[in-house]
Amino acid sequence: ARASGVHVSTVSRTFSAPHLVNTETRNRVLAVAED
């Protein structure tokens, strides 16, 4: 969350309900998580 510049809940939704997260934000979170 810190590295992505989003709230912890947004990271949680990215993995639990990705369809509820904006595409750009989801891709950024996933890329940071991978790194």
All heavy atoms as atom14 arrays in JSON, in Angstrom:
{
  "sequence": "ARASGVHVSTVSRTFSAPHLVNTETRNRVLAVAED",
  "atom14_mask": [
    [1, 1, 1, 1, 1, 0, 0, 0, 0, 0, 0, 0, 0, 0],
    [1, 1, 1, 1, 1, 1, 1, 1, 1, 1, 1, 0, 0, 0],
    [1, 1, 1, 1, 1, 0, 0, 0, 0, 0, 0, 0, 0, 0],
    [1, 1, 1, 1, 1, 1, 0, 0, 0, 0, 0, 0, 0, 0],
    [1, 1, 1, 1, 0, 0, 0, 0, 0, 0, 0, 0, 0, 0],
    [1, 1, 1, 1, 1, 1, 1, 0, 0, 0, 0, 0, 0, 0],
    [1, 1, 1, 1, 1, 1, 1, 1, 1, 1, 0, 0, 0, 0],
    [1, 1, 1, 1, 1, 1, 1, 0, 0, 0, 0, 0, 0, 0],
    [1, 1, 1, 1, 1, 1, 0, 0, 0, 0, 0, 0, 0, 0],
    [1, 1, 1, 1, 1, 1, 1, 0, 0, 0, 0, 0, 0, 0],
    [1, 1, 1, 1, 1, 1, 1, 0, 0, 0, 0, 0, 0, 0],
    [1, 1, 1, 1, 1, 1, 0, 0, 0, 0, 0, 0, 0, 0],
    [1, 1, 1, 1, 1, 1, 1, 1, 1, 1, 1, 0, 0, 0],
    [1, 1, 1, 1, 1, 1, 1, 0, 0, 0, 0, 0, 0, 0],
    [1, 1, 1, 1, 1, 1, 1, 1, 1, 1, 1, 0, 0, 0],
    [1, 1, 1, 1, 1, 1, 0, 0, 0, 0, 0, 0, 0, 0],
    [1, 1, 1, 1, 1, 0, 0, 0, 0, 0, 0, 0, 0, 0],
    [1, 1, 1, 1, 1, 1, 1, 0, 0, 0, 0, 0, 0, 0],
    [1, 1, 1, 1, 1, 1, 1, 1, 1, 1, 0, 0, 0, 0],
    [1, 1, 1, 1, 1, 1, 1, 1, 0, 0, 0, 0, 0, 0],
    [1, 1, 1, 1, 1, 1, 1, 0, 0, 0, 0, 0, 0, 0],
    [1, 1, 1, 1, 1, 1, 1, 1, 0, 0, 0, 0, 0, 0],
    [1, 1, 1, 1, 1, 1, 1, 0, 0, 0, 0, 0, 0, 0],
    [1, 1, 1, 1, 1, 1, 1, 1, 1, 0, 0, 0, 0, 0],
    [1, 1, 1, 1, 1, 1, 1, 0, 0, 0, 0, 0, 0, 0],
    [1, 1, 1, 1, 1, 1, 1, 1, 1, 1, 1, 0, 0, 0],
    [1, 1, 1, 1, 1, 1, 1, 1, 0, 0, 0, 0, 0, 0],
    [1, 1, 1, 1, 1, 1, 1, 1, 1, 1, 1, 0, 0, 0],
    [1, 1, 1, 1, 1, 1, 1, 0, 0, 0, 0, 0, 0, 0],
    [1, 1, 1, 1, 1, 1, 1, 1, 0, 0, 0, 0, 0, 0],
    [1, 1, 1, 1, 1, 0, 0, 0, 0, 0, 0, 0, 0, 0],
    [1, 1, 1, 1, 1, 1, 1, 0, 0, 0, 0, 0, 0, 0],
    [1, 1, 1, 1, 1, 0, 0, 0, 0, 0, 0, 0, 0, 0],
    [1, 1, 1, 1, 1, 1, 1, 1, 1, 0, 0, 0, 0, 0],
    [1, 1, 1, 1, 1, 1, 1, 1, 0, 0, 0, 0, 0, 0]
  ],
  "atom14_positions": [
    [[0.83, -1.21, 0.0], [0.0, 0.0, 0.0], [0.86, 1.25, 0.0], [0.61, 2.21, -0.76], [-0.92, -0.02, 1.21], [0.0, 0.0, 0.0], [0.0, 0.0, 0.0], [0.0, 0.0, 0.0], [0.0, 0.0, 0.0], [0.0, 0.0, 0.0], [0.0, 0.0, 0.0], [0.0, 0.0, 0.0], [0.0, 0.0, 0.0], [0.0, 0.0, 0.0]],
    [[1.9, 1.27, 0.84], [2.77, 2.44, 0.93], [3.49, 2.69, -0.4], [3.53, 3.83, -0.9], [3.78, 2.22, 2.06], [4.63, 3.45, 2.4], [5.59, 3.15, 3.54], [4.91, 2.63, 4.71], [5.03, 1.38, 5.16], [5.8, 0.52, 4.5], [4.37, 0.99, 6.22], [0.0, 0.0, 0.0], [0.0, 0.0, 0.0], [0.0, 0.0, 0.0]],
    [[4.03, 1.62, -0.99], [4.78, 1.77, -2.25], [3.87, 2.11, -3.42], [4.31, 2.74, -4.39], [5.55, 0.49, -2.53], [0.0, 0.0, 0.0], [0.0, 0.0, 0.0], [0.0, 0.0, 0.0], [0.0, 0.0, 0.0], [0.0, 0.0, 0.0], [0.0, 0.0, 0.0], [0.0, 0.0, 0.0], [0.0, 0.0, 0.0], [0.0, 0.0, 0.0]],
    [[2.62, 1.71, -3.34], [1.66, 1.97, -4.43], [0.97, 3.31, -4.28], [0.33, 3.79, -5.23], [0.6, 0.87, -4.47], [1.17, -0.4, -4.61], [0.0, 0.0, 0.0], [0.0, 0.0, 0.0], [0.0, 0.0, 0.0], [0.0, 0.0, 0.0], [0.0, 0.0, 0.0], [0.0, 0.0, 0.0], [0.0, 0.0, 0.0], [0.0, 0.0, 0.0]],
    [[1.04, 3.89, -3.08], [0.37, 5.16, -2.84], [-1.13, 5.01, -2.69], [-1.89, 5.92, -3.06], [0.0, 0.0, 0.0], [0.0, 0.0, 0.0], [0.0, 0.0, 0.0], [0.0, 0.0, 0.0], [0.0, 0.0, 0.0], [0.0, 0.0, 0.0], [0.0, 0.0, 0.0], [0.0, 0.0, 0.0], [0.0, 0.0, 0.0], [0.0, 0.0, 0.0]],
    [[-1.59, 3.85, -2.17], [-3.02, 3.6, -1.99], [-3.26, 3.12, -0.56], [-2.32, 2.82, 0.19], [-3.55, 2.54, -2.99], [-3.35, 3.01, -4.42], [-2.87, 1.18, -2.77], [0.0, 0.0, 0.0], [0.0, 0.0, 0.0], [0.0, 0.0, 0.0], [0.0, 0.0, 0.0], [0.0, 0.0, 0.0], [0.0, 0.0, 0.0], [0.0, 0.0, 0.0]],
    [[-4.52, 3.03, -0.21], [-4.9, 2.54, 1.12], [-4.77, 1.02, 1.16], [-4.86, 0.35, 0.13], [-6.33, 2.96, 1.45], [-6.69, 2.8, 2.9], [-7.15, 1.62, 3.43], [-6.62, 3.68, 3.94], [-7.37, 1.77, 4.73], [-7.05, 3.02, 5.06], [0.0, 0.0, 0.0], [0.0, 0.0, 0.0], [0.0, 0.0, 0.0], [0.0, 0.0, 0.0]],
    [[-4.56, 0.48, 2.36], [-4.47, -0.98, 2.54], [-5.7, -1.69, 2.0], [-5.6, -2.76, 1.4], [-4.26, -1.32, 4.04], [-4.44, -2.82, 4.28], [-2.88, -0.87, 4.5], [0.0, 0.0, 0.0], [0.0, 0.0, 0.0], [0.0, 0.0, 0.0], [0.0, 0.0, 0.0], [0.0, 0.0, 0.0], [0.0, 0.0, 0.0], [0.0, 0.0, 0.0]],
    [[-6.86, -1.07, 2.18], [-8.11, -1.7, 1.71], [-8.12, -1.85, 0.19], [-8.7, -2.8, -0.35], [-9.32, -0.9, 2.17], [-9.3, 0.41, 1.63], [0.0, 0.0, 0.0], [0.0, 0.0, 0.0], [0.0, 0.0, 0.0], [0.0, 0.0, 0.0], [0.0, 0.0, 0.0], [0.0, 0.0, 0.0], [0.0, 0.0, 0.0], [0.0, 0.0, 0.0]],
    [[-7.47, -0.91, -0.5], [-7.4, -1.0, -1.97], [-6.53, -2.18, -2.39], [-6.85, -2.9, -3.35], [-6.84, 0.3, -2.56], [-7.68, 1.39, -2.17], [-6.79, 0.23, -4.09], [0.0, 0.0, 0.0], [0.0, 0.0, 0.0], [0.0, 0.0, 0.0], [0.0, 0.0, 0.0], [0.0, 0.0, 0.0], [0.0, 0.0, 0.0], [0.0, 0.0, 0.0]],
    [[-5.43, -2.39, -1.69], [-4.59, -3.56, -1.98], [-5.38, -4.84, -1.72], [-5.34, -5.79, -2.53], [-3.31, -3.55, -1.11], [-2.47, -4.79, -1.4], [-2.51, -2.29, -1.37], [0.0, 0.0, 0.0], [0.0, 0.0, 0.0], [0.0, 0.0, 0.0], [0.0, 0.0, 0.0], [0.0, 0.0, 0.0], [0.0, 0.0, 0.0], [0.0, 0.0, 0.0]],
    [[-6.12, -4.85, -0.62], [-6.92, -6.04, -0.29], [-7.93, -6.33, -1.39], [-8.09, -7.47, -1.83], [-7.63, -5.83, 1.04], [-8.47, -6.92, 1.35], [0.0, 0.0, 0.0], [0.0, 0.0, 0.0], [0.0, 0.0, 0.0], [0.0, 0.0, 0.0], [0.0, 0.0, 0.0], [0.0, 0.0, 0.0], [0.0, 0.0, 0.0], [0.0, 0.0, 0.0]],
    [[-8.64, -5.27, -1.87], [-9.64, -5.47, -2.93], [-8.99, -5.9, -4.23], [-9.58, -6.65, -5.01], [-10.44, -4.18, -3.15], [-11.59, -3.98, -2.17], [-12.56, -2.94, -2.68], [-11.91, -1.64, -2.85], [-11.75, -0.76, -1.87], [-12.17, -1.03, -0.65], [-11.17, 0.42, -2.12], [0.0, 0.0, 0.0], [0.0, 0.0, 0.0], [0.0, 0.0, 0.0]],
    [[-7.77, -5.43, -4.49], [-7.07, -5.82, -5.72], [-6.92, -7.32, -5.81], [-7.02, -7.91, -6.9], [-5.69, -5.14, -5.78], [-5.87, -3.73, -5.83], [-4.91, -5.6, -7.0], [0.0, 0.0, 0.0], [0.0, 0.0, 0.0], [0.0, 0.0, 0.0], [0.0, 0.0, 0.0], [0.0, 0.0, 0.0], [0.0, 0.0, 0.0], [0.0, 0.0, 0.0]],
    [[-6.74, -7.97, -4.68], [-6.55, -9.42, -4.67], [-7.85, -10.18, -4.4], [-8.0, -11.31, -4.87], [-5.5, -9.82, -3.63], [-4.1, -9.44, -4.03], [-3.52, -8.26, -3.57], [-3.37, -10.24, -4.89], [-2.23, -7.9, -3.95], [-2.08, -9.89, -5.28], [-1.51, -8.72, -4.81], [0.0, 0.0, 0.0], [0.0, 0.0, 0.0], [0.0, 0.0, 0.0]],
    [[-8.78, -9.57, -3.67], [-10.0, -10.3, -3.31], [-11.15, -10.03, -4.27], [-11.99, -10.9, -4.49], [-10.43, -9.94, -1.89], [-10.76, -8.56, -1.81], [0.0, 0.0, 0.0], [0.0, 0.0, 0.0], [0.0, 0.0, 0.0], [0.0, 0.0, 0.0], [0.0, 0.0, 0.0], [0.0, 0.0, 0.0], [0.0, 0.0, 0.0], [0.0, 0.0, 0.0]],
    [[-11.19, -8.81, -4.84], [-12.28, -8.46, -5.77], [-11.72, -7.5, -6.82], [-12.07, -6.31, -6.86], [-13.44, -7.82, -5.01], [0.0, 0.0, 0.0], [0.0, 0.0, 0.0], [0.0, 0.0, 0.0], [0.0, 0.0, 0.0], [0.0, 0.0, 0.0], [0.0, 0.0, 0.0], [0.0, 0.0, 0.0], [0.0, 0.0, 0.0], [0.0, 0.0, 0.0]],
    [[-10.83, -7.98, -7.7], [-10.13, -7.09, -8.64], [-11.06, -6.32, -9.57], [-10.71, -5.24, -10.03], [-9.23, -8.06, -9.41], [-9.81, -9.42, -9.2], [-10.43, -9.39, -7.85], [0.0, 0.0, 0.0], [0.0, 0.0, 0.0], [0.0, 0.0, 0.0], [0.0, 0.0, 0.0], [0.0, 0.0, 0.0], [0.0, 0.0, 0.0], [0.0, 0.0, 0.0]],
    [[-12.25, -6.88, -9.83], [-13.19, -6.18, -10.71], [-13.72, -4.89, -10.1], [-14.31, -4.06, -10.8], [-14.35, -7.11, -11.07], [-15.12, -7.62, -9.89], [-14.61, -8.55, -9.01], [-16.37, -7.3, -9.44], [-15.52, -8.8, -8.07], [-16.57, -8.05, -8.31], [0.0, 0.0, 0.0], [0.0, 0.0, 0.0], [0.0, 0.0, 0.0], [0.0, 0.0, 0.0]],
    [[-13.53, -4.69, -8.79], [-14.0, -3.49, -8.11], [-12.94, -2.39, -8.06], [-13.19, -1.3, -7.54], [-14.44, -3.83, -6.68], [-15.6, -4.82, -6.54], [-15.9, -5.07, -5.07], [-16.84, -4.31, -7.27], [0.0, 0.0, 0.0], [0.0, 0.0, 0.0], [0.0, 0.0, 0.0], [0.0, 0.0, 0.0], [0.0, 0.0, 0.0], [0.0, 0.0, 0.0]],
    [[-11.75, -2.68, -8.6], [-10.64, -1.73, -8.54], [-10.38, -1.16, -9.94], [-10.35, -1.91, -10.92], [-9.37, -2.39, -7.98], [-8.22, -1.39, -7.89], [-9.64, -3.01, -6.6], [0.0, 0.0, 0.0], [0.0, 0.0, 0.0], [0.0, 0.0, 0.0], [0.0, 0.0, 0.0], [0.0, 0.0, 0.0], [0.0, 0.0, 0.0], [0.0, 0.0, 0.0]],
    [[-10.17, 0.14, -9.99], [-9.82, 0.81, -11.25], [-8.65, 0.09, -11.92], [-7.69, -0.3, -11.27], [-9.44, 2.26, -10.94], [-8.92, 3.01, -12.14], [-7.73, 2.91, -12.44], [-9.79, 3.75, -12.8], [0.0, 0.0, 0.0], [0.0, 0.0, 0.0], [0.0, 0.0, 0.0], [0.0, 0.0, 0.0], [0.0, 0.0, 0.0], [0.0, 0.0, 0.0]],
    [[-8.74, -0.08, -13.25], [-7.74, -0.86, -13.97], [-6.32, -0.33, -13.75], [-5.38, -1.09, -13.49], [-8.05, -0.88, -15.48], [-9.35, -1.44, -15.68], [-7.02, -1.71, -16.23], [0.0, 0.0, 0.0], [0.0, 0.0, 0.0], [0.0, 0.0, 0.0], [0.0, 0.0, 0.0], [0.0, 0.0, 0.0], [0.0, 0.0, 0.0], [0.0, 0.0, 0.0]],
    [[-6.14, 0.98, -13.86], [-4.81, 1.57, -13.69], [-4.27, 1.31, -12.27], [-3.11, 0.93, -12.1], [-4.87, 3.07, -13.96], [-3.53, 3.78, -13.82], [-3.63, 5.28, -14.06], [-4.67, 5.73, -14.57], [-2.67, 5.99, -13.71], [0.0, 0.0, 0.0], [0.0, 0.0, 0.0], [0.0, 0.0, 0.0], [0.0, 0.0, 0.0], [0.0, 0.0, 0.0]],
    [[-5.15, 1.51, -11.28], [-4.72, 1.28, -9.89], [-4.41, -0.19, -9.65], [-3.39, -0.53, -9.02], [-5.84, 1.73, -8.92], [-6.13, 3.11, -9.14], [-5.42, 1.52, -7.47], [0.0, 0.0, 0.0], [0.0, 0.0, 0.0], [0.0, 0.0, 0.0], [0.0, 0.0, 0.0], [0.0, 0.0, 0.0], [0.0, 0.0, 0.0], [0.0, 0.0, 0.0]],
    [[-5.27, -1.05, -10.19], [-5.05, -2.5, -10.0], [-3.71, -2.91, -10.6], [-2.93, -3.65, -9.96], [-6.19, -3.28, -10.65], [-6.07, -4.8, -10.47], [-7.31, -5.51, -11.0], [-7.42, -5.44, -12.44], [-8.42, -4.84, -13.08], [-9.37, -4.23, -12.41], [-8.45, -4.84, -14.4], [0.0, 0.0, 0.0], [0.0, 0.0, 0.0], [0.0, 0.0, 0.0]],
    [[-3.41, -2.45, -11.8], [-2.16, -2.83, -12.45], [-0.95, -2.31, -11.67], [0.08, -2.99, -11.56], [-2.12, -2.3, -13.88], [-3.11, -3.01, -14.78], [-3.55, -4.12, -14.47], [-3.46, -2.4, -15.91], [0.0, 0.0, 0.0], [0.0, 0.0, 0.0], [0.0, 0.0, 0.0], [0.0, 0.0, 0.0], [0.0, 0.0, 0.0], [0.0, 0.0, 0.0]],
    [[-1.09, -1.1, -11.11], [0.03, -0.54, -10.33], [0.26, -1.35, -9.06], [1.4, -1.68, -8.72], [-0.27, 0.92, -9.98], [0.89, 1.6, -9.24], [0.71, 3.1, -9.12], [-0.29, 3.48, -8.14], [-1.49, 3.97, -8.43], [-1.86, 4.12, -9.69], [-2.34, 4.32, -7.48], [0.0, 0.0, 0.0], [0.0, 0.0, 0.0], [0.0, 0.0, 0.0]],
    [[-0.82, -1.69, -8.38], [-0.7, -2.48, -7.14], [-0.1, -3.84, -7.44], [0.79, -4.32, -6.71], [-2.08, -2.62, -6.46], [-2.0, -3.64, -5.32], [-2.56, -1.27, -5.94], [0.0, 0.0, 0.0], [0.0, 0.0, 0.0], [0.0, 0.0, 0.0], [0.0, 0.0, 0.0], [0.0, 0.0, 0.0], [0.0, 0.0, 0.0], [0.0, 0.0, 0.0]],
    [[-0.57, -4.49, -8.5], [-0.05, -5.82, -8.84], [1.43, -5.76, -9.2], [2.21, -6.65, -8.85], [-0.86, -6.41, -9.99], [-2.31, -6.8, -9.68], [-3.03, -7.24, -10.94], [-2.36, -7.9, -8.63], [0.0, 0.0, 0.0], [0.0, 0.0, 0.0], [0.0, 0.0, 0.0], [0.0, 0.0, 0.0], [0.0, 0.0, 0.0], [0.0, 0.0, 0.0]],
    [[1.82, -4.71, -9.92], [3.24, -4.57, -10.3], [4.11, -4.36, -9.07], [5.19, -4.97, -8.95], [3.39, -3.4, -11.26], [0.0, 0.0, 0.0], [0.0, 0.0, 0.0], [0.0, 0.0, 0.0], [0.0, 0.0, 0.0], [0.0, 0.0, 0.0], [0.0, 0.0, 0.0], [0.0, 0.0, 0.0], [0.0, 0.0, 0.0], [0.0, 0.0, 0.0]],
    [[3.65, -3.53, -8.12], [4.41, -3.3, -6.89], [4.49, -4.59, -6.08], [5.55, -4.94, -5.53], [3.76, -2.17, -6.07], [4.38, -2.11, -4.66], [3.92, -0.83, -6.77], [0.0, 0.0, 0.0], [0.0, 0.0, 0.0], [0.0, 0.0, 0.0], [0.0, 0.0, 0.0], [0.0, 0.0, 0.0], [0.0, 0.0, 0.0], [0.0, 0.0, 0.0]],
    [[3.35, -5.28, -5.98], [3.34, -6.54, -5.23], [4.33, -7.55, -5.82], [5.03, -8.26, -5.08], [1.93, -7.13, -5.23], [0.0, 0.0, 0.0], [0.0, 0.0, 0.0], [0.0, 0.0, 0.0], [0.0, 0.0, 0.0], [0.0, 0.0, 0.0], [0.0, 0.0, 0.0], [0.0, 0.0, 0.0], [0.0, 0.0, 0.0], [0.0, 0.0, 0.0]],
    [[4.41, -7.58, -7.16], [5.34, -8.5, -7.81], [6.79, -8.09, -7.51], [7.64, -8.93, -7.2], [5.09, -8.48, -9.32], [5.96, -9.45, -10.11], [5.63, -10.9, -9.82], [4.48, -11.19, -9.42], [6.54, -11.75, -9.99], [0.0, 0.0, 0.0], [0.0, 0.0, 0.0], [0.0, 0.0, 0.0], [0.0, 0.0, 0.0], [0.0, 0.0, 0.0]],
    [[7.06, -6.79, -7.56], [8.42, -6.3, -7.29], [8.84, -6.61, -5.85], [10.01, -6.96, -5.6], [8.5, -4.79, -7.53], [8.46, -4.44, -9.01], [8.69, -5.35, -9.84], [8.17, -3.26, -9.33], [0.0, 0.0, 0.0], [0.0, 0.0, 0.0], [0.0, 0.0, 0.0], [0.0, 0.0, 0.0], [0.0, 0.0, 0.0], [0.0, 0.0, 0.0]]
  ]
}
